[in-house]
Amino acid sequence: MHEMSLCESVLQIVEEEATRQRFSRVKWLQLEIGVLAGVEVEAMRFCFDVVARNSLLQEAELDIVQPGGEAWCMQCAQTVAIAARYTPCPHCGSYQLQVTGGDQMRIKELEVE
């Protein structure tokens, strides 16, 4: 389960920012995890609860937003919405798609004390 290591990385980033910006507690954390990122959101929530124990994330509310997938179709030269990798273009049926969005994971916002 790579979600555990992802949550550990989130904690590390937040701890580094806490040192730099001098905050001691996170009240709310928003993660942006695109639908094409290969991250199981429910597993991420579970792992976050485990990793957050005894840290500055312990009482943080976790909010996860999931932007949809986007790709550039090389055949019909359009940006198209896709729900999964390796699906055909909904307009022309081509598989020559280059993902342009929805594959990212990032800390989007924090509310701290």
Foldseek 3Di string as FASTA:
>chain_A
DCLLVVLVVVLVVVVVVCVVVVFAAWAEWEKEAFLAQPDDVVVNVVSNCVNCPPGNDNNHDYHYHYDFWWWQAPPVRDIATDNYQQFAGPPPRHNRIGTDDRNDIDTDDIDTD
